[in-house]
Amino acid sequence: MKNTQHKAEIAVAQAIATFTKLGYGVALPLTESAAYDILLDDGLKIYRLQVRYSKERDVELRKIRSNASGYIVKKVKAQSYDWLYIFRPTGEEYLIKKCLINRRAIRPLEKHRINSTVKHEA
């Protein structure tokens, strides 16, 4: 298993645990082709959550991979997700409640840190 894939799986697992604790219904897409990683249900609306794992201060928003022809850069498309969740190996979690398009990276701020302010009462 690739190291980056393993990190992504850790972040998704942590997001599932966190949002379940916060009272959201959690569902996973059946395919990996979706632009989001998790669906969150608050009982009124369903949110598409994009998940990132990052130890860097700035979190890369583009997905970069290589093939025989070179590098492929996949940019965020408008309306591809509703919220961005960031997990750091230190255990910090951040939630940005919008889709970030036309940006290469973001530096999450303290105001984005997940705490009781995002709690949903079931």
C-alpha atoms as a PDB file:
ATOM      1  CA  MET A   1       0.000   0.000   0.000  1.00  0.00           C
ATOM      2  CA  LYS A   2       1.272   3.459  -0.876  1.00  0.00           C
ATOM      3  CA  ASN A   3       2.160   5.716   2.021  1.00  0.00           C
ATOM      4  CA  THR A   4      -0.043   8.548   0.693  1.00  0.00           C
ATOM      5  CA  GLN A   5      -2.989   6.172   0.342  1.00  0.00           C
ATOM      6  CA  HIS A   6      -2.481   4.982   3.914  1.00  0.00           C
ATOM      7  CA  LYS A   7      -2.496   8.593   5.172  1.00  0.00           C
ATOM      8  CA  ALA A   8      -5.679   9.319   3.238  1.00  0.00           C
ATOM      9  CA  GLU A   9      -7.343   6.283   4.803  1.00  0.00           C
ATOM     10  CA  ILE A  10      -6.315   7.468   8.289  1.00  0.00           C
ATOM     11  CA  ALA A  11      -7.845  10.896   7.627  1.00  0.00           C
ATOM     12  CA  VAL A  12     -11.103   9.405   6.317  1.00  0.00           C
ATOM     13  CA  ALA A  13     -11.359   7.088   9.331  1.00  0.00           C
ATOM     14  CA  GLN A  14     -10.768   9.997  11.701  1.00  0.00           C
ATOM     15  CA  ALA A  15     -13.366  12.145   9.904  1.00  0.00           C
ATOM     16  CA  ILE A  16     -15.910   9.333  10.192  1.00  0.00           C
ATOM     17  CA  ALA A  17     -15.237   9.030  13.935  1.00  0.00           C
ATOM     18  CA  THR A  18     -15.323  12.788  14.548  1.00  0.00           C
ATOM     19  CA  PHE A  19     -18.524  13.506  12.643  1.00  0.00           C
ATOM     20  CA  THR A  20     -20.260  10.453  14.100  1.00  0.00           C
ATOM     21  CA  LYS A  21     -19.411  11.780  17.597  1.00  0.00           C
ATOM     22  CA  LEU A  22     -20.779  15.179  16.572  1.00  0.00           C
ATOM     23  CA  GLY A  23     -24.133  13.590  15.694  1.00  0.00           C
ATOM     24  CA  TYR A  24     -23.979  13.462  11.910  1.00  0.00           C
ATOM     25  CA  GLY A  25     -25.067  10.479   9.852  1.00  0.00           C
ATOM     26  CA  VAL A  26     -22.068   9.336   7.815  1.00  0.00           C
ATOM     27  CA  ALA A  27     -22.018   7.547   4.444  1.00  0.00           C
ATOM     28  CA  LEU A  28     -19.265   6.669   1.998  1.00  0.00           C
ATOM     29  CA  PRO A  29     -19.564   6.786  -1.803  1.00  0.00           C
ATOM     30  CA  LEU A  30     -19.421   3.363  -3.460  1.00  0.00           C
ATOM     31  CA  THR A  31     -16.790   4.451  -5.973  1.00  0.00           C
ATOM     32  CA  GLU A  32     -13.549   6.398  -5.734  1.00  0.00           C
ATOM     33  CA  SER A  33     -14.432   8.568  -8.737  1.00  0.00           C
ATOM     34  CA  ALA A  34     -16.538  10.980  -6.656  1.00  0.00           C
ATOM     35  CA  ALA A  35     -15.015  14.403  -5.978  1.00  0.00           C
ATOM     36  CA  TYR A  36     -15.817  13.984  -2.279  1.00  0.00           C
ATOM     37  CA  ASP A  37     -14.840  11.348   0.260  1.00  0.00           C
ATOM     38  CA  ILE A  38     -17.741  11.268   2.738  1.00  0.00           C
ATOM     39  CA  LEU A  39     -21.390  12.274   2.910  1.00  0.00           C
ATOM     40  CA  LEU A  40     -22.618  13.912   6.115  1.00  0.00           C
ATOM     41  CA  ASP A  41     -26.322  14.029   7.018  1.00  0.00           C
ATOM     42  CA  ASP A  42     -27.521  16.467   9.677  1.00  0.00           C
ATOM     43  CA  GLY A  43     -31.153  15.423   9.282  1.00  0.00           C
ATOM     44  CA  LEU A  44     -31.965  18.430   7.121  1.00  0.00           C
ATOM     45  CA  LYS A  45     -29.241  18.480   4.496  1.00  0.00           C
ATOM     46  CA  ILE A  46     -26.516  16.232   3.131  1.00  0.00           C
ATOM     47  CA  TYR A  47     -23.009  17.696   2.867  1.00  0.00           C
ATOM     48  CA  ARG A  48     -20.255  16.384   0.595  1.00  0.00           C
ATOM     49  CA  LEU A  49     -16.984  16.291   2.537  1.00  0.00           C
ATOM     50  CA  GLN A  50     -13.560  16.371   0.909  1.00  0.00           C
ATOM     51  CA  VAL A  51     -10.876  14.940   3.229  1.00  0.00           C
ATOM     52  CA  ARG A  52      -7.189  15.869   3.326  1.00  0.00           C
ATOM     53  CA  TYR A  53      -4.283  14.617   5.446  1.00  0.00           C
ATOM     54  CA  SER A  54      -1.444  17.065   5.787  1.00  0.00           C
ATOM     55  CA  LYS A  55       1.518  17.623   8.059  1.00  0.00           C
ATOM     56  CA  GLU A  56       2.433  20.819   6.193  1.00  0.00           C
ATOM     57  CA  ARG A  57       1.210  24.274   7.230  1.00  0.00           C
ATOM     58  CA  ASP A  58      -0.268  24.814   3.778  1.00  0.00           C
ATOM     59  CA  VAL A  59      -2.615  22.071   2.639  1.00  0.00           C
ATOM     60  CA  GLU A  60      -2.434  21.231  -1.067  1.00  0.00           C
ATOM     61  CA  LEU A  61      -5.868  21.366  -2.702  1.00  0.00           C
ATOM     62  CA  ARG A  62      -4.864  20.015  -6.110  1.00  0.00           C
ATOM     63  CA  LYS A  63      -4.344  16.317  -6.656  1.00  0.00           C
ATOM     64  CA  ILE A  64      -1.092  15.529  -8.445  1.00  0.00           C
ATOM     65  CA  ARG A  65      -0.182  12.128  -9.831  1.00  0.00           C
ATOM     66  CA  SER A  66       2.135  10.853 -12.503  1.00  0.00           C
ATOM     67  CA  ASN A  67       1.796   8.530 -15.441  1.00  0.00           C
ATOM     68  CA  ALA A  68       3.971   7.572 -18.412  1.00  0.00           C
ATOM     69  CA  SER A  69       3.362  10.976 -20.026  1.00  0.00           C
ATOM     70  CA  GLY A  70       4.353  13.011 -16.966  1.00  0.00           C
ATOM     71  CA  TYR A  71       2.445  14.681 -14.181  1.00  0.00           C
ATOM     72  CA  ILE A  72      -1.300  15.162 -14.117  1.00  0.00           C
ATOM     73  CA  VAL A  73      -2.647  18.019 -12.000  1.00  0.00           C
ATOM     74  CA  LYS A  74      -6.306  17.798 -11.084  1.00  0.00           C
ATOM     75  CA  LYS A  75      -7.719  21.096  -9.819  1.00  0.00           C
ATOM     76  CA  VAL A  76     -10.788  21.515  -7.639  1.00  0.00           C
ATOM     77  CA  LYS A  77     -13.905  22.061  -9.730  1.00  0.00           C
ATOM     78  CA  ALA A  78     -16.714  24.359  -8.646  1.00  0.00           C
ATOM     79  CA  GLN A  79     -19.401  22.667  -6.554  1.00  0.00           C
ATOM     80  CA  SER A  80     -17.396  19.419  -6.308  1.00  0.00           C
ATOM     81  CA  TYR A  81     -17.747  19.304  -2.514  1.00  0.00           C
ATOM     82  CA  ASP A  82     -19.405  21.358   0.229  1.00  0.00           C
ATOM     83  CA  TRP A  83     -16.931  21.186   3.124  1.00  0.00           C
ATOM     84  CA  LEU A  84     -13.205  20.535   3.419  1.00  0.00           C
ATOM     85  CA  TYR A  85     -11.915  18.497   6.387  1.00  0.00           C
ATOM     86  CA  ILE A  86      -8.196  18.523   7.200  1.00  0.00           C
ATOM     87  CA  PHE A  87      -6.508  16.061   9.555  1.00  0.00           C
ATOM     88  CA  ARG A  88      -2.969  16.538  10.819  1.00  0.00           C
ATOM     89  CA  PRO A  89      -0.802  13.711  12.229  1.00  0.00           C
ATOM     90  CA  THR A  90      -0.711  15.689  15.497  1.00  0.00           C
ATOM     91  CA  GLY A  91      -4.453  15.036  15.847  1.00  0.00           C
ATOM     92  CA  GLU A  92      -5.596  18.537  14.899  1.00  0.00           C
ATOM     93  CA  GLU A  93      -8.760  18.662  12.819  1.00  0.00           C
ATOM     94  CA  TYR A  94     -10.039  21.549  10.745  1.00  0.00           C
ATOM     95  CA  LEU A  95     -13.288  22.161   8.886  1.00  0.00           C
ATOM     96  CA  ILE A  96     -13.731  24.749   6.163  1.00  0.00           C
ATOM     97  CA  LYS A  97     -17.378  25.047   5.212  1.00  0.00           C
ATOM     98  CA  LYS A  98     -17.002  25.901   1.532  1.00  0.00           C
ATOM     99  CA  CYS A  99     -15.607  24.542  -1.705  1.00  0.00           C
ATOM    100  CA  LEU A 100     -12.242  26.126  -2.437  1.00  0.00           C
ATOM    101  CA  ILE A 101     -11.799  26.601  -6.174  1.00  0.00           C
ATOM    102  CA  ASN A 102      -9.050  28.443  -8.053  1.00  0.00           C
ATOM    103  CA  ARG A 103      -6.665  27.937  -5.151  1.00  0.00           C
ATOM    104  CA  ARG A 104      -3.527  25.875  -5.015  1.00  0.00           C
ATOM    105  CA  ALA A 105      -3.444  25.475  -1.231  1.00  0.00           C
ATOM    106  CA  ILE A 106      -4.936  26.723   2.027  1.00  0.00           C
ATOM    107  CA  ARG A 107      -3.507  27.360   5.457  1.00  0.00           C
ATOM    108  CA  PRO A 108      -6.208  26.459   7.986  1.00  0.00           C
ATOM    109  CA  LEU A 109      -6.675  28.978  10.769  1.00  0.00           C
ATOM    110  CA  GLU A 110      -7.610  28.534  14.407  1.00  0.00           C
ATOM    111  CA  LYS A 111     -11.194  29.523  13.557  1.00  0.00           C
ATOM    112  CA  HIS A 112     -11.369  26.431  11.309  1.00  0.00           C
ATOM    113  CA  ARG A 113     -10.364  24.027  14.099  1.00  0.00           C
ATOM    114  CA  ILE A 114     -13.073  21.521  14.924  1.00  0.00           C
ATOM    115  CA  ASN A 115     -14.513  21.955  18.381  1.00  0.00           C
ATOM    116  CA  SER A 116     -17.944  22.188  19.930  1.00  0.00           C
ATOM    117  CA  THR A 117     -18.959  25.010  17.565  1.00  0.00           C
ATOM    118  CA  VAL A 118     -19.584  22.534  14.729  1.00  0.00           C
ATOM    119  CA  LYS A 119     -21.479  20.101  16.940  1.00  0.00           C
ATOM    120  CA  HIS A 120     -24.796  18.957  15.590  1.00  0.00           C
ATOM    121  CA  GLU A 121     -27.477  17.927  18.039  1.00  0.00           C
ATOM    122  CA  ALA A 122     -29.163  14.751  16.836  1.00  0.00           C
END
